[in-house]
Amino acid sequence: MNKETSNKINIYQTMAKKDECYTKKSEADKLRDYLTKHNIIDKDTKIWMPFDNEISAIYRSFAGGGYNNIILSNLEMGLDFYLYEPIEWDIIITNPPFSGRTSLMKRLIGFNKPFIILQATQFFNNQSAVNYLCEYSNDFKLLLPSSRMSFLTYDKTKDIVISKKTGAAFYSFWLCYKTKVKDTFTTLKDNGLESAIERLDMDGNAIVDNHFNLFNI
């Protein structure tokens, strides 16, 4: 694995203040499995994840699936996506902040290299972002999940990061640019885990429910 820094930063530490939403591992696994099955990327692909670290679900999913050439960067590491670029990389795969889409798309398009980013339908409220879709229409493809995604958010009452059983109020999709995805619109089929509740402690460790069984006394 290619790491620009060895410092482990807790990306959940400011979620309560920012009200941020993070990708569930089941959703990241679904993307990874699709890209692998259809040879969109291979295990030697240098993947840059510019808004992630070691406990983000997207990183854990791809690293756990045998993708070892992953470059992590984020603001907590002192690596600003708008100022920093790794020396070598092949594709960006990430869930970026949903705000600032104009600057995000300008930066991404400027690399003239493949990327896959998670976006919500609010993307189409941004005229600049839509203009990029029209200008580079032959290069854009959309992976459209069959079900509405749910996300990990901070629960201050339990001091854990947890997802909900139901999907978010908005629909989300994966926006692909200059990839090997063939069709403009492709359904990303359910994997049966869409309603599964994921729980993580503040260090990113999965929390498993262990109900006490009175009959085992």
Protein backbone atom coordinates (compact mmCIF):
# COMPACT_ATOMS: atom_id res chain seq x y z
CA MET A 1 0.00 0.00 0.00
CA ASN A 2 1.24 3.46 -0.90
CA LYS A 3 0.77 5.81 2.07
CA GLU A 4 1.67 9.47 1.97
CA THR A 5 1.66 9.57 5.78
CA SER A 6 1.77 7.03 8.56
CA ASN A 7 -0.35 9.10 10.96
CA LYS A 8 -3.73 7.59 11.72
CA ILE A 9 -6.37 10.29 11.98
CA ASN A 10 -9.90 9.79 13.28
CA ILE A 11 -12.19 11.12 10.54
CA TYR A 12 -15.19 10.82 12.86
CA GLN A 13 -13.87 13.24 15.48
CA THR A 14 -15.74 16.27 14.13
CA MET A 15 -18.85 14.56 12.75
CA ALA A 16 -21.05 15.86 15.57
CA LYS A 17 -20.20 19.46 14.66
CA LYS A 18 -20.23 19.07 10.88
CA ASP A 19 -23.16 16.65 10.65
CA GLU A 20 -21.22 14.72 8.00
CA CYS A 21 -22.37 11.53 6.30
CA TYR A 22 -20.03 8.67 5.43
CA THR A 23 -20.38 5.69 3.11
CA LYS A 24 -21.45 2.34 4.53
CA LYS A 25 -19.08 -0.54 3.89
CA SER A 26 -21.90 -2.56 2.30
CA GLU A 27 -22.33 0.19 -0.31
CA ALA A 28 -18.58 0.43 -0.90
CA ASP A 29 -18.44 -3.37 -1.27
CA LYS A 30 -21.20 -3.21 -3.87
CA LEU A 31 -19.23 -0.69 -5.94
CA ARG A 32 -15.99 -2.64 -5.55
CA ASP A 33 -17.63 -5.91 -6.59
CA TYR A 34 -19.13 -4.31 -9.70
CA LEU A 35 -15.85 -2.72 -10.77
CA THR A 36 -14.01 -5.99 -10.21
CA LYS A 37 -16.55 -8.21 -11.95
CA HIS A 38 -16.65 -6.02 -15.06
CA ASN A 39 -12.89 -5.39 -15.20
CA ILE A 40 -13.29 -1.64 -14.78
CA ILE A 41 -10.15 -1.64 -12.65
CA ASP A 42 -7.65 -4.34 -11.74
CA LYS A 43 -5.73 -5.12 -8.57
CA ASP A 44 -2.67 -3.16 -9.79
CA THR A 45 -4.64 0.05 -10.35
CA LYS A 46 -3.27 2.99 -8.36
CA ILE A 47 -6.37 4.32 -6.60
CA TRP A 48 -6.27 7.80 -5.06
CA MET A 49 -8.81 8.39 -2.28
CA PRO A 50 -8.46 12.14 -1.56
CA PHE A 51 -11.13 12.41 1.16
CA ASP A 52 -10.44 9.19 3.05
CA ASN A 53 -8.18 7.51 5.59
CA GLU A 54 -7.62 4.03 7.01
CA ILE A 55 -11.00 3.78 8.75
CA SER A 56 -13.18 5.03 5.93
CA ALA A 57 -15.46 2.36 4.48
CA ILE A 58 -14.34 2.88 0.89
CA TYR A 59 -10.71 2.33 1.83
CA ARG A 60 -11.49 -0.72 3.99
CA SER A 61 -13.61 -2.23 1.24
CA PHE A 62 -11.05 -1.93 -1.56
CA ALA A 63 -8.05 -2.77 0.63
CA GLY A 64 -9.92 -5.80 1.95
CA GLY A 65 -10.70 -6.82 -1.62
CA GLY A 66 -7.04 -7.07 -2.59
CA TYR A 67 -6.47 -3.57 -3.98
CA ASN A 68 -3.11 -2.70 -2.45
CA ASN A 69 -2.08 0.38 -4.46
CA ILE A 70 -4.21 2.88 -2.55
CA ILE A 71 -3.14 6.45 -1.84
CA LEU A 72 -4.92 8.16 1.03
CA SER A 73 -5.13 11.90 1.62
CA ASN A 74 -7.37 14.34 3.49
CA LEU A 75 -7.28 17.66 5.30
CA GLU A 76 -6.55 16.03 8.64
CA MET A 77 -3.31 14.73 7.12
CA GLY A 78 -2.50 18.24 5.94
CA LEU A 79 -3.17 17.26 2.31
CA ASP A 80 -5.69 19.57 0.67
CA PHE A 81 -7.28 18.02 -2.42
CA TYR A 82 -7.24 21.39 -4.17
CA LEU A 83 -3.50 21.87 -3.60
CA TYR A 84 -2.13 18.34 -3.46
CA GLU A 85 -1.74 15.59 -6.05
CA PRO A 86 0.14 12.29 -5.64
CA ILE A 87 3.09 11.73 -7.96
CA GLU A 88 1.43 8.70 -9.58
CA TRP A 89 -2.18 7.61 -9.63
CA ASP A 90 -4.62 6.03 -12.10
CA ILE A 91 -8.11 6.74 -10.80
CA ILE A 92 -9.91 8.61 -8.02
CA ILE A 93 -12.57 6.69 -6.09
CA THR A 94 -14.13 8.56 -3.17
CA ASN A 95 -17.16 10.04 -1.46
CA PRO A 96 -16.35 13.77 -1.52
CA PRO A 97 -18.18 16.48 0.45
CA PHE A 98 -21.48 17.26 -1.23
CA SER A 99 -20.85 21.00 -0.89
CA GLY A 100 -18.57 22.94 -3.23
CA ARG A 101 -19.42 20.94 -6.35
CA THR A 102 -18.30 23.69 -8.73
CA SER A 103 -14.73 23.67 -7.37
CA LEU A 104 -14.77 19.89 -7.05
CA MET A 105 -15.75 19.26 -10.66
CA LYS A 106 -13.31 21.86 -11.98
CA ARG A 107 -10.47 20.19 -10.10
CA LEU A 108 -11.46 16.66 -11.14
CA ILE A 109 -11.94 17.49 -14.81
CA GLY A 110 -8.64 19.37 -14.80
CA PHE A 111 -6.72 16.14 -14.11
CA ASN A 112 -8.05 14.61 -17.35
CA LYS A 113 -7.95 11.20 -15.66
CA PRO A 114 -10.62 8.70 -14.54
CA PHE A 115 -12.64 9.22 -11.39
CA ILE A 116 -15.63 7.66 -9.65
CA ILE A 117 -17.32 9.81 -7.02
CA LEU A 118 -20.48 9.46 -4.99
CA GLN A 119 -23.04 12.17 -5.65
CA ALA A 120 -26.64 12.95 -4.74
CA THR A 121 -29.45 14.24 -6.92
CA GLN A 122 -28.68 17.75 -5.62
CA PHE A 123 -25.76 17.55 -8.05
CA PHE A 124 -28.20 18.56 -10.79
CA ASN A 125 -29.06 21.79 -8.96
CA ASN A 126 -25.53 23.01 -9.64
CA GLN A 127 -25.45 24.57 -13.10
CA SER A 128 -21.66 24.45 -13.39
CA ALA A 129 -21.63 20.74 -12.58
CA VAL A 130 -24.37 20.08 -15.12
CA ASN A 131 -22.42 22.08 -17.73
CA TYR A 132 -19.48 19.72 -17.24
CA LEU A 133 -21.80 16.75 -17.82
CA CYS A 134 -22.96 18.26 -21.09
CA GLU A 135 -19.51 19.35 -22.29
CA TYR A 136 -17.95 15.95 -21.61
CA SER A 137 -21.07 13.86 -22.11
CA ASN A 138 -19.25 11.02 -23.90
CA ASP A 139 -16.93 10.54 -20.92
CA PHE A 140 -19.55 10.41 -18.15
CA LYS A 141 -21.39 7.28 -17.01
CA LEU A 142 -23.72 6.80 -14.05
CA LEU A 143 -23.93 3.75 -11.79
CA LEU A 144 -27.42 3.89 -10.33
CA PRO A 145 -28.16 1.83 -7.18
CA SER A 146 -31.47 -0.01 -7.17
CA SER A 147 -32.15 1.19 -3.62
CA ARG A 148 -31.68 4.51 -1.93
CA MET A 149 -28.48 4.54 0.12
CA SER A 150 -28.27 5.04 3.86
CA PHE A 151 -25.20 6.63 5.41
CA LEU A 152 -23.15 6.52 8.59
CA THR A 153 -23.75 9.50 10.89
CA TYR A 154 -22.72 10.32 14.43
CA ASP A 155 -25.13 9.46 17.26
CA LYS A 156 -24.10 11.69 20.15
CA THR A 157 -26.40 9.90 22.62
CA LYS A 158 -24.46 6.64 22.15
CA ASP A 159 -21.14 8.16 21.01
CA ILE A 160 -21.02 5.85 18.01
CA VAL A 161 -21.27 6.14 14.24
CA ILE A 162 -24.35 4.32 12.98
CA SER A 163 -26.47 3.92 9.86
CA LYS A 164 -30.24 3.75 9.64
CA LYS A 165 -32.32 0.90 8.33
CA THR A 166 -34.03 3.16 5.80
CA GLY A 167 -32.32 5.12 3.03
CA ALA A 168 -31.51 8.81 3.08
CA ALA A 169 -34.07 11.39 2.02
CA PHE A 170 -32.06 11.97 -1.18
CA TYR A 171 -31.05 9.52 -3.91
CA SER A 172 -27.33 8.93 -4.45
CA PHE A 173 -25.36 7.51 -7.36
CA TRP A 174 -21.77 6.93 -8.52
CA LEU A 175 -20.60 9.41 -11.16
CA CYS A 176 -17.93 7.86 -13.40
CA TYR A 177 -15.59 9.78 -15.72
CA LYS A 178 -13.27 8.31 -18.36
CA THR A 179 -13.70 4.79 -16.97
CA LYS A 180 -14.35 1.48 -18.72
CA VAL A 181 -18.01 1.52 -17.70
CA LYS A 182 -19.81 0.91 -20.99
CA ASP A 183 -23.36 2.23 -20.71
CA THR A 184 -24.38 5.77 -19.83
CA PHE A 185 -26.81 4.45 -17.22
CA THR A 186 -26.16 1.18 -15.41
CA THR A 187 -28.17 -0.31 -12.57
CA LEU A 188 -26.09 -1.23 -9.55
CA LYS A 189 -28.09 -4.18 -8.23
CA ASP A 190 -28.83 -4.69 -4.56
CA ASN A 191 -26.60 -7.04 -2.58
CA GLY A 192 -29.12 -7.70 0.19
CA LEU A 193 -27.32 -5.56 2.77
CA GLU A 194 -28.94 -2.22 2.00
CA SER A 195 -31.07 -2.29 5.17
CA ALA A 196 -28.36 -3.75 7.39
CA ILE A 197 -27.46 -1.37 10.22
CA GLU A 198 -23.74 -0.74 10.54
CA ARG A 199 -22.28 0.48 13.84
CA LEU A 200 -18.75 1.77 14.42
CA ASP A 201 -16.99 3.11 17.47
CA MET A 202 -15.01 6.34 17.22
CA ASP A 203 -11.91 4.42 16.15
CA GLY A 204 -13.73 2.88 13.20
CA ASN A 205 -14.13 -0.57 14.76
CA ALA A 206 -17.32 -2.44 13.94
CA ILE A 207 -19.71 -2.87 16.88
CA VAL A 208 -21.52 -6.21 16.94
CA ASP A 209 -24.74 -6.61 18.91
CA ASN A 210 -24.29 -9.25 21.59
CA HIS A 211 -27.62 -9.93 23.25
CA PHE A 212 -27.36 -11.72 26.62
CA ASN A 213 -29.06 -15.09 26.42
CA LEU A 214 -30.69 -15.96 29.76
CA PHE A 215 -30.88 -19.63 28.79
CA ASN A 216 -27.08 -19.87 28.65
CA ILE A 217 -26.65 -19.17 32.36
